Amino acid sequence: MAMAQDVDTPMQIYNSCSKWVNCETNTALWLICQGNGYAVRIKPRTIMIGDVEVPEPMRVAPEKGTAYWYVEPGAETFLKSSWDGMASEVRWLKRGTLQATEEGAIDMLAALIKQLGGVL
């Protein structure tokens, strides 16, 4: 049986600035055990766009009605929609331009614009 110090799963904690930040697994486990109300999660999978780490885009079609955010660098912002399995949605999924969260869409859009040499 693995002890807490043997676990190396990347963890995050929701901090006082309303942001998810990386933390040591042992710290996350300690906070959970203390039962003091801290929100802790396993760090979502990420990719690198240039030198910026962003949440991995959606890779599998979600269930019908699931919310997603479509990221397009040329647009003013990103589009929030619900999955319906339309041809355009499948194309966006295959191109890696869908995010499962608004936070992920914001980060991805900023990273793409930075990589392209633009500014927000």
C-alpha atoms as a PDB file:
ATOM      1  CA  MET A   1       0.000   0.000   0.000  1.00  0.00           C
ATOM      2  CA  ALA A   2       1.392   3.419  -0.973  1.00  0.00           C
ATOM      3  CA  MET A   3       1.927   5.990   1.721  1.00  0.00           C
ATOM      4  CA  ALA A   4       1.074   9.668   1.163  1.00  0.00           C
ATOM      5  CA  GLN A   5       4.712  10.591   0.606  1.00  0.00           C
ATOM      6  CA  ASP A   6       4.870   8.069  -2.271  1.00  0.00           C
ATOM      7  CA  VAL A   7       2.061   9.747  -4.212  1.00  0.00           C
ATOM      8  CA  ASP A   8       3.225  12.089  -6.973  1.00  0.00           C
ATOM      9  CA  THR A   9      -0.059  13.010  -8.626  1.00  0.00           C
ATOM     10  CA  PRO A  10      -0.005  16.747  -9.478  1.00  0.00           C
ATOM     11  CA  MET A  11      -2.471  18.562  -7.216  1.00  0.00           C
ATOM     12  CA  GLN A  12      -3.942  22.065  -7.045  1.00  0.00           C
ATOM     13  CA  ILE A  13      -5.558  24.119  -4.308  1.00  0.00           C
ATOM     14  CA  TYR A  14      -8.066  26.952  -4.728  1.00  0.00           C
ATOM     15  CA  ASN A  15      -6.355  29.956  -3.140  1.00  0.00           C
ATOM     16  CA  SER A  16      -7.625  33.183  -1.598  1.00  0.00           C
ATOM     17  CA  CYS A  17      -7.198  34.980  -4.958  1.00  0.00           C
ATOM     18  CA  SER A  18      -9.828  32.670  -6.508  1.00  0.00           C
ATOM     19  CA  LYS A  19      -7.263  30.826  -8.628  1.00  0.00           C
ATOM     20  CA  TRP A  20      -6.239  27.182  -8.817  1.00  0.00           C
ATOM     21  CA  VAL A  21      -2.534  26.942  -8.004  1.00  0.00           C
ATOM     22  CA  ASN A  22      -0.179  23.978  -8.014  1.00  0.00           C
ATOM     23  CA  CYS A  23       0.758  22.503  -4.667  1.00  0.00           C
ATOM     24  CA  GLU A  24       2.695  19.550  -3.369  1.00  0.00           C
ATOM     25  CA  THR A  25       0.673  16.365  -3.149  1.00  0.00           C
ATOM     26  CA  ASN A  26       1.513  15.967   0.534  1.00  0.00           C
ATOM     27  CA  THR A  27       0.252  19.505   1.244  1.00  0.00           C
ATOM     28  CA  ALA A  28      -3.008  18.779  -0.580  1.00  0.00           C
ATOM     29  CA  LEU A  29      -3.503  15.518   1.299  1.00  0.00           C
ATOM     30  CA  TRP A  30      -2.763  17.250   4.614  1.00  0.00           C
ATOM     31  CA  LEU A  31      -5.362  19.957   3.858  1.00  0.00           C
ATOM     32  CA  ILE A  32      -7.960  17.330   2.984  1.00  0.00           C
ATOM     33  CA  CYS A  33      -7.270  15.447   6.205  1.00  0.00           C
ATOM     34  CA  GLN A  34      -7.614  18.647   8.253  1.00  0.00           C
ATOM     35  CA  GLY A  35     -11.152  19.129   6.965  1.00  0.00           C
ATOM     36  CA  ASN A  36     -10.788  22.901   6.964  1.00  0.00           C
ATOM     37  CA  GLY A  37     -12.804  23.558   3.810  1.00  0.00           C
ATOM     38  CA  TYR A  38      -9.998  24.025   1.302  1.00  0.00           C
ATOM     39  CA  ALA A  39     -10.911  23.032  -2.232  1.00  0.00           C
ATOM     40  CA  VAL A  40      -8.344  20.603  -3.618  1.00  0.00           C
ATOM     41  CA  ARG A  41      -8.291  18.819  -6.979  1.00  0.00           C
ATOM     42  CA  ILE A  42      -6.063  16.690  -9.126  1.00  0.00           C
ATOM     43  CA  LYS A  43      -4.370  19.031 -11.573  1.00  0.00           C
ATOM     44  CA  PRO A  44      -6.035  18.796 -14.998  1.00  0.00           C
ATOM     45  CA  ARG A  45      -3.906  17.542 -17.890  1.00  0.00           C
ATOM     46  CA  THR A  46      -2.139  20.374 -19.678  1.00  0.00           C
ATOM     47  CA  ILE A  47      -0.314  21.150 -22.916  1.00  0.00           C
ATOM     48  CA  MET A  48       2.263  23.793 -23.773  1.00  0.00           C
ATOM     49  CA  ILE A  49       1.510  26.538 -26.294  1.00  0.00           C
ATOM     50  CA  GLY A  50       4.878  28.180 -26.749  1.00  0.00           C
ATOM     51  CA  ASP A  51       6.067  28.746 -23.192  1.00  0.00           C
ATOM     52  CA  VAL A  52       2.568  28.868 -21.673  1.00  0.00           C
ATOM     53  CA  GLU A  53       0.949  25.889 -19.938  1.00  0.00           C
ATOM     54  CA  VAL A  54      -2.783  25.619 -20.642  1.00  0.00           C
ATOM     55  CA  PRO A  55      -5.462  22.999 -19.937  1.00  0.00           C
ATOM     56  CA  GLU A  56      -5.508  20.235 -22.506  1.00  0.00           C
ATOM     57  CA  PRO A  57      -8.290  20.773 -25.053  1.00  0.00           C
ATOM     58  CA  MET A  58     -11.201  18.358 -25.149  1.00  0.00           C
ATOM     59  CA  ARG A  59     -10.214  15.188 -27.016  1.00  0.00           C
ATOM     60  CA  VAL A  60     -13.411  13.124 -26.780  1.00  0.00           C
ATOM     61  CA  ALA A  61     -16.910  14.162 -27.781  1.00  0.00           C
ATOM     62  CA  PRO A  62     -18.942  14.863 -24.639  1.00  0.00           C
ATOM     63  CA  GLU A  63     -22.529  13.855 -24.012  1.00  0.00           C
ATOM     64  CA  LYS A  64     -25.188  15.869 -25.819  1.00  0.00           C
ATOM     65  CA  GLY A  65     -25.977  19.077 -23.942  1.00  0.00           C
ATOM     66  CA  THR A  66     -22.555  19.344 -22.245  1.00  0.00           C
ATOM     67  CA  ALA A  67     -21.232  22.906 -22.104  1.00  0.00           C
ATOM     68  CA  TYR A  68     -17.973  23.726 -23.907  1.00  0.00           C
ATOM     69  CA  TRP A  69     -16.022  26.810 -24.962  1.00  0.00           C
ATOM     70  CA  TYR A  70     -14.759  27.241 -28.559  1.00  0.00           C
ATOM     71  CA  VAL A  71     -11.473  29.133 -28.857  1.00  0.00           C
ATOM     72  CA  GLU A  72     -10.688  31.108 -32.009  1.00  0.00           C
ATOM     73  CA  PRO A  73      -7.718  33.540 -31.877  1.00  0.00           C
ATOM     74  CA  GLY A  74      -9.214  35.841 -34.524  1.00  0.00           C
ATOM     75  CA  ALA A  75     -12.465  36.348 -32.615  1.00  0.00           C
ATOM     76  CA  GLU A  76     -13.095  39.027 -30.016  1.00  0.00           C
ATOM     77  CA  THR A  77     -13.651  36.364 -27.400  1.00  0.00           C
ATOM     78  CA  PHE A  78     -14.571  32.686 -27.157  1.00  0.00           C
ATOM     79  CA  LEU A  79     -17.942  31.069 -27.717  1.00  0.00           C
ATOM     80  CA  LYS A  80     -19.803  29.130 -25.034  1.00  0.00           C
ATOM     81  CA  SER A  81     -22.169  26.511 -26.373  1.00  0.00           C
ATOM     82  CA  SER A  82     -23.658  23.100 -25.661  1.00  0.00           C
ATOM     83  CA  TRP A  83     -22.544  19.985 -27.501  1.00  0.00           C
ATOM     84  CA  ASP A  84     -24.977  18.779 -30.139  1.00  0.00           C
ATOM     85  CA  GLY A  85     -22.620  16.696 -32.298  1.00  0.00           C
ATOM     86  CA  MET A  86     -22.890  18.992 -35.313  1.00  0.00           C
ATOM     87  CA  ALA A  87     -20.247  18.702 -38.045  1.00  0.00           C
ATOM     88  CA  SER A  88     -18.682  22.031 -37.044  1.00  0.00           C
ATOM     89  CA  GLU A  89     -18.374  20.893 -33.407  1.00  0.00           C
ATOM     90  CA  VAL A  90     -16.725  17.633 -34.444  1.00  0.00           C
ATOM     91  CA  ARG A  91     -14.301  19.617 -36.645  1.00  0.00           C
ATOM     92  CA  TRP A  92     -13.440  21.976 -33.740  1.00  0.00           C
ATOM     93  CA  LEU A  93     -12.928  18.973 -31.453  1.00  0.00           C
ATOM     94  CA  LYS A  94     -10.531  17.376 -33.958  1.00  0.00           C
ATOM     95  CA  ARG A  95      -8.643  20.677 -34.299  1.00  0.00           C
ATOM     96  CA  GLY A  96      -8.162  20.972 -30.540  1.00  0.00           C
ATOM     97  CA  THR A  97     -10.042  24.257 -30.155  1.00  0.00           C
ATOM     98  CA  LEU A  98     -12.612  23.197 -27.542  1.00  0.00           C
ATOM     99  CA  GLN A  99     -12.161  23.681 -23.809  1.00  0.00           C
ATOM    100  CA  ALA A 100     -14.271  22.153 -21.055  1.00  0.00           C
ATOM    101  CA  THR A 101     -14.126  25.274 -18.856  1.00  0.00           C
ATOM    102  CA  GLU A 102     -14.279  29.027 -19.306  1.00  0.00           C
ATOM    103  CA  GLU A 103     -10.986  29.354 -17.403  1.00  0.00           C
ATOM    104  CA  GLY A 104      -9.363  26.948 -19.881  1.00  0.00           C
ATOM    105  CA  ALA A 105     -10.706  28.935 -22.841  1.00  0.00           C
ATOM    106  CA  ILE A 106      -9.365  32.204 -21.430  1.00  0.00           C
ATOM    107  CA  ASP A 107      -5.921  30.678 -20.845  1.00  0.00           C
ATOM    108  CA  MET A 108      -5.824  29.010 -24.266  1.00  0.00           C
ATOM    109  CA  LEU A 109      -6.917  32.149 -26.117  1.00  0.00           C
ATOM    110  CA  ALA A 110      -4.295  34.259 -24.319  1.00  0.00           C
ATOM    111  CA  ALA A 111      -1.552  31.692 -25.058  1.00  0.00           C
ATOM    112  CA  LEU A 112      -2.460  31.442 -28.756  1.00  0.00           C
ATOM    113  CA  ILE A 113      -2.521  35.207 -29.183  1.00  0.00           C
ATOM    114  CA  LYS A 114       0.834  35.509 -27.379  1.00  0.00           C
ATOM    115  CA  GLN A 115       2.334  32.759 -29.563  1.00  0.00           C
ATOM    116  CA  LEU A 116       1.114  34.585 -32.673  1.00  0.00           C
ATOM    117  CA  GLY A 117       2.808  37.786 -31.476  1.00  0.00           C
ATOM    118  CA  GLY A 118      -0.402  39.645 -30.740  1.00  0.00           C
ATOM    119  CA  VAL A 119      -1.819  41.280 -27.634  1.00  0.00           C
ATOM    120  CA  LEU A 120      -5.160  40.845 -25.905  1.00  0.00           C
END
